[in-house]
PDB file of N, CA and C in Angstrom:
ATOM      1  N   MET A   1      88.389  22.881 100.185  1.00  0.00           N
ATOM      2  CA  MET A   1      87.507  22.795  99.728  1.00  0.00           C
ATOM      3  C   MET A   1      89.620  23.895  99.645  1.00  0.00           C
ATOM      4  N   LEU A   2      90.068  24.188  98.608  1.00  0.00           N
ATOM      5  CA  LEU A   2      91.270  24.843  98.540  1.00  0.00           C
ATOM      6  C   LEU A   2      91.537  25.917  97.770  1.00  0.00           C
ATOM      7  N   THR A   3      91.864  27.566  98.359  1.00  0.00           N
ATOM      8  CA  THR A   3      91.734  28.734  97.985  1.00  0.00           C
ATOM      9  C   THR A   3      92.953  29.575  97.043  1.00  0.00           C
ATOM     10  N   CYS A   4      92.407  29.665  96.407  1.00  0.00           N
ATOM     11  CA  CYS A   4      93.362  30.024  94.489  1.00  0.00           C
ATOM     12  C   CYS A   4      94.973  30.342  95.328  1.00  0.00           C
ATOM     13  N   LEU A   5      95.308  31.125  96.730  1.00  0.00           N
ATOM     14  CA  LEU A   5      96.513  30.970  97.192  1.00  0.00           C
ATOM     15  C   LEU A   5      97.542  29.642  97.445  1.00  0.00           C
ATOM     16  N   GLN A   6      96.680  28.584  97.760  1.00  0.00           N
ATOM     17  CA  GLN A   6      96.626  27.431  98.443  1.00  0.00           C
ATOM     18  C   GLN A   6      97.348  26.651  97.024  1.00  0.00           C
ATOM     19  N   THR A   7      95.691  27.148  95.742  1.00  0.00           N
ATOM     20  CA  THR A   7      96.052  25.527  95.115  1.00  0.00           C
ATOM     21  C   THR A   7      97.744  26.473  94.121  1.00  0.00           C
ATOM     22  N   GLN A   8      97.797  27.772  94.244  1.00  0.00           N
ATOM     23  CA  GLN A   8      98.556  27.934  93.275  1.00  0.00           C
ATOM     24  C   GLN A   8     100.715  27.638  94.442  1.00  0.00           C
ATOM     25  N   GLY A   9     100.416  27.022  95.791  1.00  0.00           N
ATOM     26  CA  GLY A   9     101.188  26.504  96.134  1.00  0.00           C
ATOM     27  C   GLY A   9     101.864  25.336  96.038  1.00  0.00           C
ATOM     28  N   VAL A  10      99.979  24.328  96.045  1.00  0.00           N
ATOM     29  CA  VAL A  10     100.811  23.467  95.956  1.00  0.00           C
ATOM     30  C   VAL A  10     101.555  22.472  93.405  1.00  0.00           C
ATOM     31  N   TYR A  11     100.864  24.124  92.565  1.00  0.00           N
ATOM     32  CA  TYR A  11     101.111  23.853  91.694  1.00  0.00           C
ATOM     33  C   TYR A  11     102.395  24.197  91.609  1.00  0.00           C
ATOM     34  N   LEU A  12     103.593  25.201  92.443  1.00  0.00           N
ATOM     35  CA  LEU A  12     104.375  25.765  92.774  1.00  0.00           C
ATOM     36  C   LEU A  12     105.778  24.558  93.135  1.00  0.00           C
ATOM     37  N   HIS A  13     104.889  23.755  94.032  1.00  0.00           N
ATOM     38  CA  HIS A  13     105.778  22.781  94.343  1.00  0.00           C
ATOM     39  C   HIS A  13     106.015  21.861  93.564  1.00  0.00           C
ATOM     40  N   GLN A  14     104.800  21.543  93.184  1.00  0.00           N
ATOM     41  CA  GLN A  14     105.096  20.375  91.458  1.00  0.00           C
ATOM     42  C   GLN A  14     106.520  20.907  90.881  1.00  0.00           C
ATOM     43  N   PHE A  15     105.876  22.155  90.715  1.00  0.00           N
ATOM     44  CA  PHE A  15     106.746  22.384  89.101  1.00  0.00           C
ATOM     45  C   PHE A  15     108.304  22.530  89.998  1.00  0.00           C
ATOM     46  N   VAL A  16     108.417  23.286  91.134  1.00  0.00           N
ATOM     47  CA  VAL A  16     110.067  23.234  91.233  1.00  0.00           C
ATOM     48  C   VAL A  16     110.583  21.350  91.504  1.00  0.00           C
ATOM     49  N   LEU A  17     109.652  20.246  91.900  1.00  0.00           N
ATOM     50  CA  LEU A  17     109.925  19.310  91.583  1.00  0.00           C
ATOM     51  C   LEU A  17     110.514  18.151  90.330  1.00  0.00           C
ATOM     52  N   HIS A  18     109.604  18.787  89.299  1.00  0.00           N
ATOM     53  CA  HIS A  18     109.581  18.398  88.425  1.00  0.00           C
ATOM     54  C   HIS A  18     111.376  19.382  87.802  1.00  0.00           C
ATOM     55  N   ALA A  19     111.537  20.203  88.071  1.00  0.00           N
ATOM     56  CA  ALA A  19     112.536  21.387  87.505  1.00  0.00           C
ATOM     57  C   ALA A  19     113.451  20.577  88.474  1.00  0.00           C
ATOM     58  N   ALA A  20     113.852  20.053  89.439  1.00  0.00           N
ATOM     59  CA  ALA A  20     114.599  19.449  90.094  1.00  0.00           C
ATOM     60  C   ALA A  20     115.106  18.189  89.033  1.00  0.00           C
ATOM     61  N   LEU A  21     113.600  17.753  88.641  1.00  0.00           N
ATOM     62  CA  LEU A  21     114.323  15.633  88.610  1.00  0.00           C
ATOM     63  C   LEU A  21     115.922  16.806  87.058  1.00  0.00           C
ATOM     64  N   ASP A  22     115.690  17.640  86.412  1.00  0.00           N
ATOM     65  CA  ASP A  22     117.246  17.763  85.475  1.00  0.00           C
ATOM     66  C   ASP A  22     118.523  18.294  86.425  1.00  0.00           C
ATOM     67  N   ALA A  23     118.856  18.306  87.631  1.00  0.00           N
ATOM     68  CA  ALA A  23     119.548  18.162  88.014  1.00  0.00           C
ATOM     69  C   ALA A  23     120.024  16.529  89.023  1.00  0.00           C
ATOM     70  N   VAL A  24     118.217  16.152  88.754  1.00  0.00           N
ATOM     71  CA  VAL A  24     118.822  14.435  89.398  1.00  0.00           C
ATOM     72  C   VAL A  24     120.039  13.931  88.640  1.00  0.00           C
ATOM     73  N   ASN A  25     118.873  14.430  87.666  1.00  0.00           N
ATOM     74  CA  ASN A  25     120.062  13.839  86.276  1.00  0.00           C
ATOM     75  C   ASN A  25     121.283  14.108  86.142  1.00  0.00           C
ATOM     76  N   GLU A  26     121.675  14.692  85.957  1.00  0.00           N
ATOM     77  CA  GLU A  26     122.927  15.110  86.113  1.00  0.00           C
ATOM     78  C   GLU A  26     123.349  14.161  87.018  1.00  0.00           C
ATOM     79  N   GLN A  27     123.740  14.383  88.157  1.00  0.00           N
ATOM     80  CA  GLN A  27     123.472  14.583  88.976  1.00  0.00           C
ATOM     81  C   GLN A  27     124.269  12.938  89.927  1.00  0.00           C
ATOM     82  N   ILE A  28     123.858  12.366  89.193  1.00  0.00           N
ATOM     83  CA  ILE A  28     122.771  11.062  89.173  1.00  0.00           C
ATOM     84  C   ILE A  28     124.503   9.532  88.631  1.00  0.00           C
ATOM     85  N   TRP A  29     124.768  11.002  87.621  1.00  0.00           N
ATOM     86  CA  TRP A  29     126.023   9.985  86.799  1.00  0.00           C
ATOM     87  C   TRP A  29     126.955  10.749  87.688  1.00  0.00           C
ATOM     88  N   THR A  30     127.492  11.685  88.159  1.00  0.00           N
ATOM     89  CA  THR A  30     128.796  12.704  89.080  1.00  0.00           C
ATOM     90  C   THR A  30     128.930  11.503  90.462  1.00  0.00           C
ATOM     91  N   THR A  31     128.146  11.140  91.532  1.00  0.00           N
ATOM     92  CA  THR A  31     128.323  10.316  92.074  1.00  0.00           C
ATOM     93  C   THR A  31     127.617   8.491  91.970  1.00  0.00           C
ATOM     94  N   ALA A  32     128.628   8.082  93.061  1.00  0.00           N
ATOM     95  CA  ALA A  32     128.076   6.589  93.107  1.00  0.00           C
ATOM     96  C   ALA A  32     127.674   6.662  94.266  1.00  0.00           C
ATOM     97  N   ASN A  33     126.888   7.817  94.782  1.00  0.00           N
ATOM     98  CA  ASN A  33     126.357   7.719  96.212  1.00  0.00           C
ATOM     99  C   ASN A  33     124.751   7.484  95.652  1.00  0.00           C
ATOM    100  N   MET A  34     123.657   6.690  96.592  1.00  0.00           N
ATOM    101  CA  MET A  34     122.526   7.143  96.380  1.00  0.00           C
ATOM    102  C   MET A  34     121.488   7.790  96.636  1.00  0.00           C
ATOM    103  N   HIS A  35     122.125   8.760  97.831  1.00  0.00           N
ATOM    104  CA  HIS A  35     121.788   9.841  98.745  1.00  0.00           C
ATOM    105  C   HIS A  35     121.700  10.782  97.526  1.00  0.00           C
ATOM    106  N   LEU A  36     121.558  11.596  97.264  1.00  0.00           N
ATOM    107  CA  LEU A  36     122.494  12.582  96.342  1.00  0.00           C
ATOM    108  C   LEU A  36     122.081  14.653  97.157  1.00  0.00           C
ATOM    109  N   GLY A  37     121.985  14.110  98.051  1.00  0.00           N
ATOM    110  CA  GLY A  37     121.633  15.223  98.909  1.00  0.00           C
ATOM    111  C   GLY A  37     120.591  16.480  98.744  1.00  0.00           C
ATOM    112  N   THR A  38     121.052  17.445  98.526  1.00  0.00           N
ATOM    113  CA  THR A  38     120.126  19.135  98.477  1.00  0.00           C
ATOM    114  C   THR A  38     120.495  18.797  96.545  1.00  0.00           C
ATOM    115  N   VAL A  39     119.162  19.194  95.692  1.00  0.00           N
ATOM    116  CA  VAL A  39     120.221  19.251  94.593  1.00  0.00           C
ATOM    117  C   VAL A  39     119.134  20.576  93.282  1.00  0.00           C
ATOM    118  N   ASP A  40     118.430  21.406  94.072  1.00  0.00           N
ATOM    119  CA  ASP A  40     118.279  21.934  93.417  1.00  0.00           C
ATOM    120  C   ASP A  40     117.271  22.851  94.817  1.00  0.00           C
ATOM    121  N   LYS A  41     117.130  24.350  94.898  1.00  0.00           N
ATOM    122  CA  LYS A  41     116.739  25.244  95.650  1.00  0.00           C
ATOM    123  C   LYS A  41     116.018  26.353  94.862  1.00  0.00           C
ATOM    124  N   PHE A  42     115.188  26.164  95.181  1.00  0.00           N
ATOM    125  CA  PHE A  42     113.508  27.586  94.845  1.00  0.00           C
ATOM    126  C   PHE A  42     113.542  29.156  95.906  1.00  0.00           C
ATOM    127  N   ASN A  43     113.441  30.147  96.635  1.00  0.00           N
ATOM    128  CA  ASN A  43     113.252  30.647  96.722  1.00  0.00           C
ATOM    129  C   ASN A  43     113.983  29.812  99.050  1.00  0.00           C
ATOM    130  N   ASN A  44     113.190  29.914  99.422  1.00  0.00           N
ATOM    131  CA  ASN A  44     112.766  28.745 100.886  1.00  0.00           C
ATOM    132  C   ASN A  44     112.751  26.976 100.734  1.00  0.00           C
ATOM    133  N   LEU A  45     112.536  26.831  99.212  1.00  0.00           N
ATOM    134  CA  LEU A  45     112.536  25.681  99.247  1.00  0.00           C
ATOM    135  C   LEU A  45     112.988  24.829  98.959  1.00  0.00           C
ATOM    136  N   MET A  46     113.930  23.012  99.466  1.00  0.00           N
ATOM    137  CA  MET A  46     115.216  23.008  98.850  1.00  0.00           C
ATOM    138  C   MET A  46     114.848  21.486  98.788  1.00  0.00           C
ATOM    139  N   VAL A  47     115.499  20.660  97.160  1.00  0.00           N
ATOM    140  CA  VAL A  47     115.124  19.699  97.073  1.00  0.00           C
ATOM    141  C   VAL A  47     115.712  18.237  97.477  1.00  0.00           C
ATOM    142  N   ALA A  48     115.469  17.737  98.627  1.00  0.00           N
ATOM    143  CA  ALA A  48     116.264  16.555  98.448  1.00  0.00           C
ATOM    144  C   ALA A  48     116.540  15.562  96.985  1.00  0.00           C
ATOM    145  N   ALA A  49     117.026  14.537  96.833  1.00  0.00           N
ATOM    146  CA  ALA A  49     117.119  13.186  96.352  1.00  0.00           C
ATOM    147  C   ALA A  49     117.310  11.956  96.817  1.00  0.00           C
ATOM    148  N   TYR A  50     116.946  10.893  96.528  1.00  0.00           N
ATOM    149  CA  TYR A  50     117.887   9.404  96.238  1.00  0.00           C
ATOM    150  C   TYR A  50     117.297   8.938  94.771  1.00  0.00           C
ATOM    151  N   ALA A  51     118.687   8.102  94.443  1.00  0.00           N
ATOM    152  CA  ALA A  51     118.211   7.736  93.085  1.00  0.00           C
ATOM    153  C   ALA A  51     118.958   5.778  93.377  1.00  0.00           C
ATOM    154  N   THR A  52     117.991   5.091  93.153  1.00  0.00           N
ATOM    155  CA  THR A  52     118.073   4.140  93.010  1.00  0.00           C
ATOM    156  C   THR A  52     119.733   3.698  91.669  1.00  0.00           C
ATOM    157  N   ALA A  53     120.416   2.222  92.133  1.00  0.00           N
ATOM    158  CA  ALA A  53     120.784   1.690  91.715  1.00  0.00           C
ATOM    159  C   ALA A  53     120.043   1.063  89.940  1.00  0.00           C
ATOM    160  N   ALA A  54     118.641   1.469  89.924  1.00  0.00           N
ATOM    161  CA  ALA A  54     117.335   1.403  88.668  1.00  0.00           C
ATOM    162  C   ALA A  54     117.605   3.056  88.333  1.00  0.00           C
ATOM    163  N   HIS A  55     117.629   3.826  88.210  1.00  0.00           N
ATOM    164  CA  HIS A  55     117.295   4.769  88.475  1.00  0.00           C
ATOM    165  C   HIS A  55     116.024   5.351  88.345  1.00  0.00           C
ATOM    166  N   VAL A  56     115.527   4.866  90.092  1.00  0.00           N
ATOM    167  CA  VAL A  56     114.175   5.136  90.357  1.00  0.00           C
ATOM    168  C   VAL A  56     114.797   5.948  90.893  1.00  0.00           C
ATOM    169  N   LYS A  57     113.730   7.197  90.856  1.00  0.00           N
ATOM    170  CA  LYS A  57     113.849   8.365  92.157  1.00  0.00           C
ATOM    171  C   LYS A  57     113.075   8.736  92.922  1.00  0.00           C
ATOM    172  N   PHE A  58     113.886   9.423  93.864  1.00  0.00           N
ATOM    173  CA  PHE A  58     112.521   9.868  95.289  1.00  0.00           C
ATOM    174  C   PHE A  58     113.178  10.870  95.550  1.00  0.00           C
ATOM    175  N   LEU A  59     112.638  11.848  95.459  1.00  0.00           N
ATOM    176  CA  LEU A  59     112.401  13.614  95.781  1.00  0.00           C
ATOM    177  C   LEU A  59     111.472  14.407  97.127  1.00  0.00           C
ATOM    178  N   LEU A  60     112.258  14.633  97.144  1.00  0.00           N
ATOM    179  CA  LEU A  60     111.013  15.174  98.745  1.00  0.00           C
ATOM    180  C   LEU A  60     111.823  16.669  98.754  1.00  0.00           C
ATOM    181  N   LEU A  61     110.962  17.806  98.952  1.00  0.00           N
ATOM    182  CA  LEU A  61     110.847  18.690  99.141  1.00  0.00           C
ATOM    183  C   LEU A  61     110.576  19.844 100.333  1.00  0.00           C
ATOM    184  N   HIS A  62     111.390  20.125 100.827  1.00  0.00           N
ATOM    185  CA  HIS A  62     111.963  20.776 102.043  1.00  0.00           C
ATOM    186  C   HIS A  62     112.568  22.410 102.332  1.00  0.00           C
ATOM    187  N   ASP A  63     112.351  22.337 103.962  1.00  0.00           N
ATOM    188  CA  ASP A  63     112.914  24.202 104.173  1.00  0.00           C
ATOM    189  C   ASP A  63     113.760  23.481 105.206  1.00  0.00           C
ATOM    190  N   GLY A  64     114.823  22.389 104.611  1.00  0.00           N
ATOM    191  CA  GLY A  64     116.210  22.935 104.758  1.00  0.00           C
ATOM    192  C   GLY A  64     116.623  22.236 106.077  1.00  0.00           C
ATOM    193  N   LYS A  65     115.401  21.779 106.486  1.00  0.00           N
ATOM    194  CA  LYS A  65     116.606  22.210 108.769  1.00  0.00           C
ATOM    195  C   LYS A  65     116.717  20.600 109.135  1.00  0.00           C
ATOM    196  N   ASN A  66     117.444  19.740 108.645  1.00  0.00           N
ATOM    197  CA  ASN A  66     117.823  18.694 109.234  1.00  0.00           C
ATOM    198  C   ASN A  66     118.603  17.944 108.492  1.00  0.00           C
ATOM    199  N   GLU A  67     119.538  17.739 107.242  1.00  0.00           N
ATOM    200  CA  GLU A  67     120.101  17.146 106.435  1.00  0.00           C
ATOM    201  C   GLU A  67     120.395  15.239 107.058  1.00  0.00           C
ATOM    202  N   GLU A  68     120.288  15.368 108.223  1.00  0.00           N
ATOM    203  CA  GLU A  68     120.830  13.710 108.451  1.00  0.00           C
ATOM    204  C   GLU A  68     119.305  13.096 108.683  1.00  0.00           C
ATOM    205  N   THR A  69     118.039  13.937 109.270  1.00  0.00           N
ATOM    206  CA  THR A  69     116.703  13.916 109.135  1.00  0.00           C
ATOM    207  C   THR A  69     116.546  12.712 107.715  1.00  0.00           C
ATOM    208  N   ILE A  70     116.487  13.799 106.905  1.00  0.00           N
ATOM    209  CA  ILE A  70     116.119  13.635 105.380  1.00  0.00           C
ATOM    210  C   ILE A  70     117.178  11.983 105.015  1.00  0.00           C
ATOM    211  N   ARG A  71     117.981  11.818 105.639  1.00  0.00           N
ATOM    212  CA  ARG A  71     118.916  11.430 105.131  1.00  0.00           C
ATOM    213  C   ARG A  71     118.016   9.833 105.809  1.00  0.00           C
ATOM    214  N   LEU A  72     117.915  10.209 106.746  1.00  0.00           N
ATOM    215  CA  LEU A  72     117.240   8.424 107.281  1.00  0.00           C
ATOM    216  C   LEU A  72     115.912   8.293 107.175  1.00  0.00           C
ATOM    217  N   PHE A  73     115.640   9.193 106.642  1.00  0.00           N
ATOM    218  CA  PHE A  73     114.001   9.208 105.910  1.00  0.00           C
ATOM    219  C   PHE A  73     114.405   8.412 104.276  1.00  0.00           C
ATOM    220  N   PHE A  74     114.393   8.824 103.371  1.00  0.00           N
ATOM    221  CA  PHE A  74     115.158   8.463 102.712  1.00  0.00           C
ATOM    222  C   PHE A  74     115.953   6.507 102.721  1.00  0.00           C
ATOM    223  N   LYS A  75     116.152   6.908 103.014  1.00  0.00           N
ATOM    224  CA  LYS A  75     117.040   5.250 104.106  1.00  0.00           C
ATOM    225  C   LYS A  75     115.826   4.415 104.334  1.00  0.00           C
ATOM    226  N   ASP A  76     115.080   5.126 105.121  1.00  0.00           N
ATOM    227  CA  ASP A  76     113.026   4.253 105.138  1.00  0.00           C
ATOM    228  C   ASP A  76     113.086   4.242 103.953  1.00  0.00           C
ATOM    229  N   VAL A  77     112.179   4.798 103.054  1.00  0.00           N
ATOM    230  CA  VAL A  77     111.489   5.346 101.744  1.00  0.00           C
ATOM    231  C   VAL A  77     112.168   3.618 101.367  1.00  0.00           C
ATOM    232  N   TYR A  78     114.025   3.550 100.580  1.00  0.00           N
ATOM    233  CA  TYR A  78     114.136   2.335 100.105  1.00  0.00           C
ATOM    234  C   TYR A  78     114.060   1.336 100.449  1.00  0.00           C
ATOM    235  N   ASP A  79     114.650   1.184 101.642  1.00  0.00           N
ATOM    236  CA  ASP A  79     113.833  -0.327 102.594  1.00  0.00           C
ATOM    237  C   ASP A  79     112.816  -0.719 101.911  1.00  0.00           C
ATOM    238  N   ILE A  80     111.311   0.284 102.847  1.00  0.00           N
ATOM    239  CA  ILE A  80     109.973  -0.157 101.520  1.00  0.00           C
ATOM    240  C   ILE A  80     109.784  -1.019 100.397  1.00  0.00           C
ATOM    241  N   TYR A  81     110.521   0.416  99.714  1.00  0.00           N
ATOM    242  CA  TYR A  81     109.652   0.696  98.255  1.00  0.00           C
ATOM    243  C   TYR A  81     111.054  -0.997  97.937  1.00  0.00           C
ATOM    244  N   VAL A  82     112.484  -1.450  98.911  1.00  0.00           N
ATOM    245  CA  VAL A  82     112.300  -2.940  98.374  1.00  0.00           C
ATOM    246  C   VAL A  82     111.966  -4.115  98.491  1.00  0.00           C
ATOM    247  N   ARG A  83     111.725  -3.709  99.379  1.00  0.00           N
ATOM    248  CA  ARG A  83     110.693  -5.320 100.240  1.00  0.00           C
ATOM    249  C   ARG A  83     109.182  -4.882  99.424  1.00  0.00           C
ATOM    250  N   VAL A  84     108.313  -4.461  98.939  1.00  0.00           N
ATOM    251  CA  VAL A  84     107.465  -4.099  97.963  1.00  0.00           C
ATOM    252  C   VAL A  84     107.885  -4.760  96.917  1.00  0.00           C
ATOM    253  N   SER A  85     108.747  -4.243  95.765  1.00  0.00           N
ATOM    254  CA  SER A  85     108.843  -4.570  94.767  1.00  0.00           C
ATOM    255  C   SER A  85     109.369  -5.778  95.022  1.00  0.00           C
ATOM    256  N   CYS A  86     110.075  -7.043  95.988  1.00  0.00           N
ATOM    257  CA  CYS A  86     110.508  -8.477  95.692  1.00  0.00           C
ATOM    258  C   CYS A  86     109.227  -9.176  96.524  1.00  0.00           C
ATOM    259  N   LYS A  87     108.310  -8.751  96.701  1.00  0.00           N
ATOM    260  CA  LYS A  87     106.877  -9.327  97.291  1.00  0.00           C
ATOM    261  C   LYS A  87     106.860 -10.127  95.979  1.00  0.00           C
ATOM    262  N   ASN A  88     106.401  -9.765  95.035  1.00  0.00           N
ATOM    263  CA  ASN A  88     106.463 -10.445  94.328  1.00  0.00           C
ATOM    264  C   ASN A  88     106.535 -11.725  93.354  1.00  0.00           C
ATOM    265  N   TYR A  89     108.122 -12.176  94.568  1.00  0.00           N
ATOM    266  CA  TYR A  89     108.705 -12.908  94.236  1.00  0.00           C
ATOM    267  C   TYR A  89     109.025 -14.126  94.552  1.00  0.00           C
ATOM    268  N   CYS A  90     107.756 -13.880  96.136  1.00  0.00           N
ATOM    269  CA  CYS A  90     107.467 -14.965  96.648  1.00  0.00           C
ATOM    270  C   CYS A  90     105.647 -15.732  96.609  1.00  0.00           C
ATOM    271  N   GLU A  91     106.680 -16.915  97.193  1.00  0.00           N
ATOM    272  CA  GLU A  91     104.327 -18.035  96.661  1.00  0.00           C
ATOM    273  C   GLU A  91     103.335 -16.747  97.070  1.00  0.00           C
ATOM    274  N   LEU A  92     102.332 -16.440  96.664  1.00  0.00           N
ATOM    275  CA  LEU A  92     101.478 -15.725  96.690  1.00  0.00           C
ATOM    276  C   LEU A  92     101.233 -16.379  97.999  1.00  0.00           C
ATOM    277  N   SER A  93     100.746 -17.332  98.833  1.00  0.00           N
ATOM    278  CA  SER A  93     100.097 -17.795 100.270  1.00  0.00           C
ATOM    279  C   SER A  93     101.096 -17.181 101.421  1.00  0.00           C
ATOM    280  N   THR A  94     102.578 -17.034 100.992  1.00  0.00           N
ATOM    281  CA  THR A  94     103.276 -16.173 102.384  1.00  0.00           C
ATOM    282  C   THR A  94     102.419 -14.974 102.207  1.00  0.00           C
ATOM    283  N   SER A  95     102.299 -14.594 103.681  1.00  0.00           N
ATOM    284  CA  SER A  95     101.523 -14.333 104.197  1.00  0.00           C
ATOM    285  C   SER A  95     102.973 -12.540 104.323  1.00  0.00           C
ATOM    286  N   PHE A  96     102.595 -11.760 103.494  1.00  0.00           N
ATOM    287  CA  PHE A  96     103.676 -10.183 103.878  1.00  0.00           C
ATOM    288  C   PHE A  96     104.606 -10.431 105.551  1.00  0.00           C
ATOM    289  N   GLU A  97     104.245 -10.875 105.836  1.00  0.00           N
ATOM    290  CA  GLU A  97     104.688 -10.229 107.440  1.00  0.00           C
ATOM    291  C   GLU A  97     105.044 -12.325 107.898  1.00  0.00           C
ATOM    292  N   LYS A  98     105.256 -13.045 107.403  1.00  0.00           N
ATOM    293  CA  LYS A  98     106.243 -13.603 107.275  1.00  0.00           C
ATOM    294  C   LYS A  98     107.278 -13.829 106.957  1.00  0.00           C
ATOM    295  N   LEU A  99     107.532 -13.198 105.950  1.00  0.00           N
ATOM    296  CA  LEU A  99     108.824 -13.077 105.066  1.00  0.00           C
ATOM    297  C   LEU A  99     109.788 -12.861 105.494  1.00  0.00           C
ATOM    298  N   GLN A 100     111.117 -13.528 105.132  1.00  0.00           N
ATOM    299  CA  GLN A 100     112.153 -12.809 105.873  1.00  0.00           C
ATOM    300  C   GLN A 100     112.791 -11.745 106.356  1.00  0.00           C
ATOM    301  N   LEU A 101     112.516 -10.973 105.030  1.00  0.00           N
ATOM    302  CA  LEU A 101     112.765  -9.856 104.599  1.00  0.00           C
ATOM    303  C   LEU A 101     112.192  -9.041 104.905  1.00  0.00           C
ATOM    304  N   LEU A 102     111.321  -9.018 106.016  1.00  0.00           N
ATOM    305  CA  LEU A 102     110.338  -7.814 106.879  1.00  0.00           C
ATOM    306  C   LEU A 102     110.682  -8.132 108.406  1.00  0.00           C
ATOM    307  N   ASN A 103     112.488  -8.053 108.667  1.00  0.00           N
ATOM    308  CA  ASN A 103     112.301  -7.837 109.979  1.00  0.00           C
ATOM    309  C   ASN A 103     111.456  -6.033 110.801  1.00  0.00           C
ATOM    310  N   HIS A 104     111.587  -5.211 110.135  1.00  0.00           N
ATOM    311  CA  HIS A 104     111.170  -4.171 110.382  1.00  0.00           C
ATOM    312  C   HIS A 104     109.869  -3.975 110.320  1.00  0.00           C
ATOM    313  N   PRO A 105     109.545  -3.625 110.900  1.00  0.00           N
ATOM    314  CA  PRO A 105     107.921  -3.334 111.041  1.00  0.00           C
ATOM    315  C   PRO A 105     107.803  -1.712 110.007  1.00  0.00           C
ATOM    316  N   LEU A 106     106.512  -1.716 108.746  1.00  0.00           N
ATOM    317  CA  LEU A 106     106.562  -0.815 108.118  1.00  0.00           C
ATOM    318  C   LEU A 106     105.906   0.694 109.389  1.00  0.00           C
TER     319      LEU A 106
END
């Protein structure tokens, strides 16, 4: 069971991420990069963003330790997102492991 302070922390994190969506929407139009980097900050929390060509947005709330690790994390998330999205275009009898698209283990 969550204490009152833990519950407030969860709501604070959600609020920070939702507030960062405005900054993400502005930054999408100013760069051709999919990885937008740190788009918003609140106290010691930072929000990193990644936006696909279809404007699907991935957000990560972090404390800013290592930007390169965050960039690689978003790359992996995007790869998995593409694989799952393309799964619908395969025959139903094809197993997920047999697809050529899935050379990288999840």
